[in-house]
Structure formats: C-alpha cells, structure tokens
PDB file of N, CA and C in Angstrom:
ATOM      1  N   MET A   1     -25.695 -13.293   0.199  1.00  0.00           N
ATOM      2  CA  MET A   1     -25.507 -14.253  -0.008  1.00  0.00           C
ATOM      3  C   MET A   1     -24.121 -14.889   0.333  1.00  0.00           C
ATOM      4  N   LEU A   2     -23.590 -14.889  -1.454  1.00  0.00           N
ATOM      5  CA  LEU A   2     -21.655 -14.871  -2.790  1.00  0.00           C
ATOM      6  C   LEU A   2     -21.073 -14.510  -2.070  1.00  0.00           C
ATOM      7  N   PRO A   3     -21.047 -12.192  -2.030  1.00  0.00           N
ATOM      8  CA  PRO A   3     -19.742 -12.568  -1.341  1.00  0.00           C
ATOM      9  C   PRO A   3     -19.843 -12.319   0.337  1.00  0.00           C
ATOM     10  N   SER A   4     -20.527 -12.741   0.863  1.00  0.00           N
ATOM     11  CA  SER A   4     -20.417 -13.430   2.113  1.00  0.00           C
ATOM     12  C   SER A   4     -20.024 -14.267   1.999  1.00  0.00           C
ATOM     13  N   LEU A   5     -20.074 -15.180   1.501  1.00  0.00           N
ATOM     14  CA  LEU A   5     -19.237 -16.860   1.247  1.00  0.00           C
ATOM     15  C   LEU A   5     -17.763 -17.084   0.998  1.00  0.00           C
ATOM     16  N   LEU A   6     -18.052 -15.558   0.002  1.00  0.00           N
ATOM     17  CA  LEU A   6     -16.450 -15.609  -0.662  1.00  0.00           C
ATOM     18  C   LEU A   6     -15.324 -14.800  -0.015  1.00  0.00           C
ATOM     19  N   TYR A   7     -15.823 -14.093   0.803  1.00  0.00           N
ATOM     20  CA  TYR A   7     -15.577 -12.644   1.683  1.00  0.00           C
ATOM     21  C   TYR A   7     -15.008 -14.075   3.249  1.00  0.00           C
ATOM     22  N   LYS A   8     -15.854 -14.706   3.331  1.00  0.00           N
ATOM     23  CA  LYS A   8     -15.617 -15.594   4.362  1.00  0.00           C
ATOM     24  C   LYS A   8     -13.926 -17.046   4.026  1.00  0.00           C
ATOM     25  N   ILE A   9     -14.322 -16.969   2.376  1.00  0.00           N
ATOM     26  CA  ILE A   9     -12.860 -18.594   1.959  1.00  0.00           C
ATOM     27  C   ILE A   9     -11.895 -17.591   2.029  1.00  0.00           C
ATOM     28  N   ASN A  10     -11.745 -16.615   1.706  1.00  0.00           N
ATOM     29  CA  ASN A  10     -11.293 -16.024   1.339  1.00  0.00           C
ATOM     30  C   ASN A  10      -9.671 -15.129   3.037  1.00  0.00           C
ATOM     31  N   GLU A  11     -10.957 -14.882   3.560  1.00  0.00           N
ATOM     32  CA  GLU A  11     -10.891 -14.866   4.682  1.00  0.00           C
ATOM     33  C   GLU A  11      -9.795 -16.185   4.993  1.00  0.00           C
ATOM     34  N   ASN A  12     -10.664 -17.144   5.320  1.00  0.00           N
ATOM     35  CA  ASN A  12     -10.204 -18.657   5.391  1.00  0.00           C
ATOM     36  C   ASN A  12      -8.761 -18.604   5.145  1.00  0.00           C
ATOM     37  N   GLN A  13      -8.312 -18.706   3.573  1.00  0.00           N
ATOM     38  CA  GLN A  13      -7.369 -18.870   2.805  1.00  0.00           C
ATOM     39  C   GLN A  13      -5.998 -17.913   3.228  1.00  0.00           C
ATOM     40  N   LEU A  14      -6.037 -16.386   3.694  1.00  0.00           N
ATOM     41  CA  LEU A  14      -5.200 -15.845   4.595  1.00  0.00           C
ATOM     42  C   LEU A  14      -4.864 -15.952   6.083  1.00  0.00           C
ATOM     43  N   SER A  15      -5.960 -16.657   6.345  1.00  0.00           N
ATOM     44  CA  SER A  15      -5.440 -17.512   7.845  1.00  0.00           C
ATOM     45  C   SER A  15      -4.630 -18.284   7.786  1.00  0.00           C
ATOM     46  N   LEU A  16      -4.829 -19.718   7.158  1.00  0.00           N
ATOM     47  CA  LEU A  16      -4.120 -20.746   6.653  1.00  0.00           C
ATOM     48  C   LEU A  16      -2.426 -20.427   6.225  1.00  0.00           C
ATOM     49  N   GLN A  17      -2.578 -18.604   5.332  1.00  0.00           N
ATOM     50  CA  GLN A  17      -1.078 -18.319   5.116  1.00  0.00           C
ATOM     51  C   GLN A  17      -0.362 -18.225   6.295  1.00  0.00           C
ATOM     52  N   ALA A  18      -0.990 -17.103   6.786  1.00  0.00           N
ATOM     53  CA  ALA A  18      -0.307 -17.336   7.963  1.00  0.00           C
ATOM     54  C   ALA A  18       0.624 -18.156   9.139  1.00  0.00           C
ATOM     55  N   ALA A  19      -0.902 -19.380   8.857  1.00  0.00           N
ATOM     56  CA  ALA A  19      -0.208 -20.348   9.504  1.00  0.00           C
ATOM     57  C   ALA A  19       1.372 -20.921   9.569  1.00  0.00           C
ATOM     58  N   ILE A  20       0.907 -21.274   8.101  1.00  0.00           N
ATOM     59  CA  ILE A  20       1.260 -21.922   7.559  1.00  0.00           C
ATOM     60  C   ILE A  20       3.084 -21.498   7.321  1.00  0.00           C
ATOM     61  N   MET A  21       3.460 -19.899   6.904  1.00  0.00           N
ATOM     62  CA  MET A  21       4.562 -19.371   6.840  1.00  0.00           C
ATOM     63  C   MET A  21       4.492 -19.610   8.490  1.00  0.00           C
ATOM     64  N   GLU A  22       3.995 -19.471   9.969  1.00  0.00           N
ATOM     65  CA  GLU A  22       4.570 -19.416  11.369  1.00  0.00           C
ATOM     66  C   GLU A  22       5.675 -20.637  11.525  1.00  0.00           C
ATOM     67  N   LEU A  23       5.224 -22.210  10.623  1.00  0.00           N
ATOM     68  CA  LEU A  23       5.296 -22.866  10.284  1.00  0.00           C
ATOM     69  C   LEU A  23       6.895 -23.193   9.477  1.00  0.00           C
ATOM     70  N   THR A  24       6.205 -21.908   7.763  1.00  0.00           N
ATOM     71  CA  THR A  24       7.733 -21.967   7.592  1.00  0.00           C
ATOM     72  C   THR A  24       9.323 -21.049   8.299  1.00  0.00           C
ATOM     73  N   ILE A  25       9.007 -20.074   8.656  1.00  0.00           N
ATOM     74  CA  ILE A  25       9.858 -20.039   9.965  1.00  0.00           C
ATOM     75  C   ILE A  25      10.543 -21.058  10.988  1.00  0.00           C
ATOM     76  N   TRP A  26       9.698 -20.959  11.987  1.00  0.00           N
ATOM     77  CA  TRP A  26       9.640 -22.847  12.266  1.00  0.00           C
ATOM     78  C   TRP A  26      10.931 -24.274  11.645  1.00  0.00           C
ATOM     79  N   VAL A  27       9.938 -24.191  10.122  1.00  0.00           N
ATOM     80  CA  VAL A  27      11.328 -25.144  10.121  1.00  0.00           C
ATOM     81  C   VAL A  27      12.542 -24.310   9.706  1.00  0.00           C
ATOM     82  N   GLU A  28      12.876 -23.141   9.286  1.00  0.00           N
ATOM     83  CA  GLU A  28      13.553 -23.206   8.448  1.00  0.00           C
ATOM     84  C   GLU A  28      14.886 -21.999  10.166  1.00  0.00           C
ATOM     85  N   GLN A  29      14.415 -21.948  11.207  1.00  0.00           N
ATOM     86  CA  GLN A  29      15.636 -22.264  12.296  1.00  0.00           C
ATOM     87  C   GLN A  29      16.077 -22.988  12.198  1.00  0.00           C
ATOM     88  N   ARG A  30      15.321 -24.496  12.183  1.00  0.00           N
ATOM     89  CA  ARG A  30      15.214 -25.488  12.589  1.00  0.00           C
ATOM     90  C   ARG A  30      17.004 -26.399  10.983  1.00  0.00           C
ATOM     91  N   GLY A  31      16.945 -24.999  10.501  1.00  0.00           N
ATOM     92  CA  GLY A  31      18.135 -25.514   9.949  1.00  0.00           C
ATOM     93  C   GLY A  31      17.496 -26.313   7.655  1.00  0.00           C
ATOM     94  N   SER A  32      15.959 -25.903   7.703  1.00  0.00           N
ATOM     95  CA  SER A  32      15.844 -26.327   6.219  1.00  0.00           C
ATOM     96  C   SER A  32      14.954 -25.194   5.751  1.00  0.00           C
ATOM     97  N   ALA A  33      16.750 -24.349   5.217  1.00  0.00           N
ATOM     98  CA  ALA A  33      15.820 -23.150   4.353  1.00  0.00           C
ATOM     99  C   ALA A  33      15.026 -23.915   3.243  1.00  0.00           C
ATOM    100  N   GLU A  34      15.563 -24.744   2.766  1.00  0.00           N
ATOM    101  CA  GLU A  34      15.423 -25.065   1.106  1.00  0.00           C
ATOM    102  C   GLU A  34      13.618 -25.913   2.183  1.00  0.00           C
ATOM    103  N   VAL A  35      14.142 -26.435   2.190  1.00  0.00           N
ATOM    104  CA  VAL A  35      11.907 -26.547   2.572  1.00  0.00           C
ATOM    105  C   VAL A  35      11.208 -25.078   3.142  1.00  0.00           C
ATOM    106  N   ALA A  36      11.703 -24.292   3.867  1.00  0.00           N
ATOM    107  CA  ALA A  36      11.408 -23.257   4.210  1.00  0.00           C
ATOM    108  C   ALA A  36      11.280 -21.890   2.656  1.00  0.00           C
ATOM    109  N   GLY A  37      11.752 -22.083   1.940  1.00  0.00           N
ATOM    110  CA  GLY A  37      12.083 -21.707   0.500  1.00  0.00           C
ATOM    111  C   GLY A  37      11.189 -22.056  -0.072  1.00  0.00           C
ATOM    112  N   ASN A  38      10.943 -23.024  -0.063  1.00  0.00           N
ATOM    113  CA  ASN A  38       9.709 -23.996  -1.415  1.00  0.00           C
ATOM    114  C   ASN A  38       8.171 -23.356  -0.971  1.00  0.00           C
ATOM    115  N   VAL A  39       7.958 -23.804   0.649  1.00  0.00           N
ATOM    116  CA  VAL A  39       6.630 -22.862   1.170  1.00  0.00           C
ATOM    117  C   VAL A  39       6.391 -21.427   0.871  1.00  0.00           C
ATOM    118  N   ARG A  40       7.416 -21.331   0.447  1.00  0.00           N
ATOM    119  CA  ARG A  40       7.091 -19.440  -0.208  1.00  0.00           C
ATOM    120  C   ARG A  40       7.119 -19.050  -0.809  1.00  0.00           C
ATOM    121  N   SER A  41       8.118 -20.462  -2.107  1.00  0.00           N
ATOM    122  CA  SER A  41       7.044 -19.955  -3.367  1.00  0.00           C
ATOM    123  C   SER A  41       5.440 -19.905  -3.419  1.00  0.00           C
ATOM    124  N   ALA A  42       5.578 -21.312  -2.718  1.00  0.00           N
ATOM    125  CA  ALA A  42       4.247 -21.712  -2.706  1.00  0.00           C
ATOM    126  C   ALA A  42       3.060 -20.604  -2.299  1.00  0.00           C
ATOM    127  N   LEU A  43       3.869 -19.529  -1.208  1.00  0.00           N
ATOM    128  CA  LEU A  43       2.245 -19.011   0.144  1.00  0.00           C
ATOM    129  C   LEU A  43       2.207 -17.892  -1.750  1.00  0.00           C
ATOM    130  N   GLN A  44       3.977 -17.546  -2.994  1.00  0.00           N
ATOM    131  CA  GLN A  44       3.128 -16.674  -3.569  1.00  0.00           C
ATOM    132  C   GLN A  44       1.688 -16.335  -4.779  1.00  0.00           C
ATOM    133  N   THR A  45       1.387 -17.329  -4.593  1.00  0.00           N
ATOM    134  CA  THR A  45       0.121 -17.425  -5.244  1.00  0.00           C
ATOM    135  C   THR A  45      -0.929 -17.142  -4.397  1.00  0.00           C
ATOM    136  N   ILE A  46      -0.622 -17.142  -3.384  1.00  0.00           N
ATOM    137  CA  ILE A  46      -1.661 -16.564  -2.505  1.00  0.00           C
ATOM    138  C   ILE A  46      -2.040 -14.660  -2.474  1.00  0.00           C
ATOM    139  N   ASP A  47      -0.467 -14.196  -2.427  1.00  0.00           N
ATOM    140  CA  ASP A  47      -0.306 -13.435  -2.679  1.00  0.00           C
ATOM    141  C   ASP A  47      -0.222 -12.679  -3.803  1.00  0.00           C
ATOM    142  N   ARG A  48      -0.178 -13.293  -4.596  1.00  0.00           N
ATOM    143  CA  ARG A  48       0.119 -12.387  -5.841  1.00  0.00           C
ATOM    144  C   ARG A  48      -1.906 -12.227  -6.185  1.00  0.00           C
ATOM    145  N   ASN A  49      -2.309 -13.918  -6.414  1.00  0.00           N
ATOM    146  CA  ASN A  49      -4.227 -13.587  -6.139  1.00  0.00           C
ATOM    147  C   ASN A  49      -4.514 -12.505  -4.591  1.00  0.00           C
ATOM    148  N   GLU A  50      -4.320 -12.554  -4.267  1.00  0.00           N
ATOM    149  CA  GLU A  50      -4.882 -11.259  -2.880  1.00  0.00           C
ATOM    150  C   GLU A  50      -5.751 -10.003  -3.534  1.00  0.00           C
ATOM    151  N   GLU A  51      -4.837  -9.507  -3.887  1.00  0.00           N
ATOM    152  CA  GLU A  51      -5.281  -7.697  -4.585  1.00  0.00           C
ATOM    153  C   GLU A  51      -6.766  -8.640  -4.892  1.00  0.00           C
ATOM    154  N   PHE A  52      -6.380  -9.157  -6.381  1.00  0.00           N
ATOM    155  CA  PHE A  52      -7.602  -9.454  -7.956  1.00  0.00           C
ATOM    156  C   PHE A  52      -8.983 -10.496  -6.392  1.00  0.00           C
ATOM    157  N   ILE A  53      -8.104 -10.640  -5.696  1.00  0.00           N
ATOM    158  CA  ILE A  53      -9.515 -10.926  -4.209  1.00  0.00           C
ATOM    159  C   ILE A  53     -10.611  -9.860  -4.001  1.00  0.00           C
ATOM    160  N   LYS A  54     -10.164  -9.340  -3.378  1.00  0.00           N
ATOM    161  CA  LYS A  54     -10.460  -7.992  -2.905  1.00  0.00           C
ATOM    162  C   LYS A  54     -11.607  -7.266  -3.648  1.00  0.00           C
ATOM    163  N   MET A  55     -10.432  -6.598  -4.973  1.00  0.00           N
ATOM    164  CA  MET A  55     -10.724  -5.659  -5.744  1.00  0.00           C
ATOM    165  C   MET A  55     -12.307  -6.360  -6.084  1.00  0.00           C
ATOM    166  N   THR A  56     -12.618  -7.485  -7.102  1.00  0.00           N
ATOM    167  CA  THR A  56     -13.000  -8.734  -7.039  1.00  0.00           C
ATOM    168  C   THR A  56     -15.305  -8.947  -5.559  1.00  0.00           C
ATOM    169  N   LEU A  57     -14.494  -9.129  -4.596  1.00  0.00           N
ATOM    170  CA  LEU A  57     -15.353  -9.140  -4.846  1.00  0.00           C
ATOM    171  C   LEU A  57     -15.751  -7.833  -3.322  1.00  0.00           C
ATOM    172  N   ALA A  58     -14.866  -6.425  -3.501  1.00  0.00           N
ATOM    173  CA  ALA A  58     -16.195  -5.277  -3.410  1.00  0.00           C
ATOM    174  C   ALA A  58     -17.056  -4.827  -4.359  1.00  0.00           C
ATOM    175  N   VAL A  59     -16.908  -5.391  -6.003  1.00  0.00           N
ATOM    176  CA  VAL A  59     -17.731  -5.085  -7.040  1.00  0.00           C
ATOM    177  C   VAL A  59     -18.840  -5.579  -6.510  1.00  0.00           C
ATOM    178  N   PRO A  60     -20.000  -4.550  -5.890  1.00  0.00           N
ATOM    179  CA  PRO A  60     -21.582  -5.166  -6.191  1.00  0.00           C
ATOM    180  C   PRO A  60     -21.599  -5.344  -7.648  1.00  0.00           C
ATOM    181  N   MET A  61     -22.640  -6.793  -6.733  1.00  0.00           N
ATOM    182  CA  MET A  61     -22.663  -8.196  -7.634  1.00  0.00           C
ATOM    183  C   MET A  61     -24.886  -7.890  -8.409  1.00  0.00           C
ATOM    184  N   THR A  62     -25.193  -8.063  -9.073  1.00  0.00           N
ATOM    185  CA  THR A  62     -26.728  -7.260  -9.610  1.00  0.00           C
ATOM    186  C   THR A  62     -26.483  -9.203 -10.067  1.00  0.00           C
ATOM    187  N   PRO A  63     -28.382  -9.585  -8.671  1.00  0.00           N
ATOM    188  CA  PRO A  63     -29.258  -9.718  -9.437  1.00  0.00           C
ATOM    189  C   PRO A  63     -29.605 -11.108 -10.427  1.00  0.00           C
ATOM    190  N   GLU A  64     -29.168 -12.184 -11.039  1.00  0.00           N
ATOM    191  CA  GLU A  64     -29.359 -12.519 -12.662  1.00  0.00           C
ATOM    192  C   GLU A  64     -31.277 -13.519 -12.711  1.00  0.00           C
TER     193      GLU A  64
END
C-alpha cells in the first residue's frame, strides 16, 4: 500500500509542477520574466528528483 501512496503523491507533485509551469508562462508573457525565471529555478528541484523517485518506486519493498 505504501508504494501506491508514494506513486500517487509523486503523480500529484508532477501535476502541480505542470500547472505552475502554465502559470509561469502566463506571467512571463505579461512581462515578468524575472518572476518566471525564479519559478523555473524552483521547479528544477522536481525535475532533479523525479528520476530518483521513479527508480525508488520501481524497487520492490520487502515486508518488515
């Protein structure tokens, strides 16, 4: 059950990232390139961690 929960949390995180990126593009188009750049920098953390999260979720968990 824990892997399913973690998968769903990761899925939510990626959905939020996509929504925030849409807002970032909207802000940038209205002349706030600095704000958009700051948001993109913050979202890079999700990108950096995504592959590790996927690999971790793919590893079968042993019962405790």
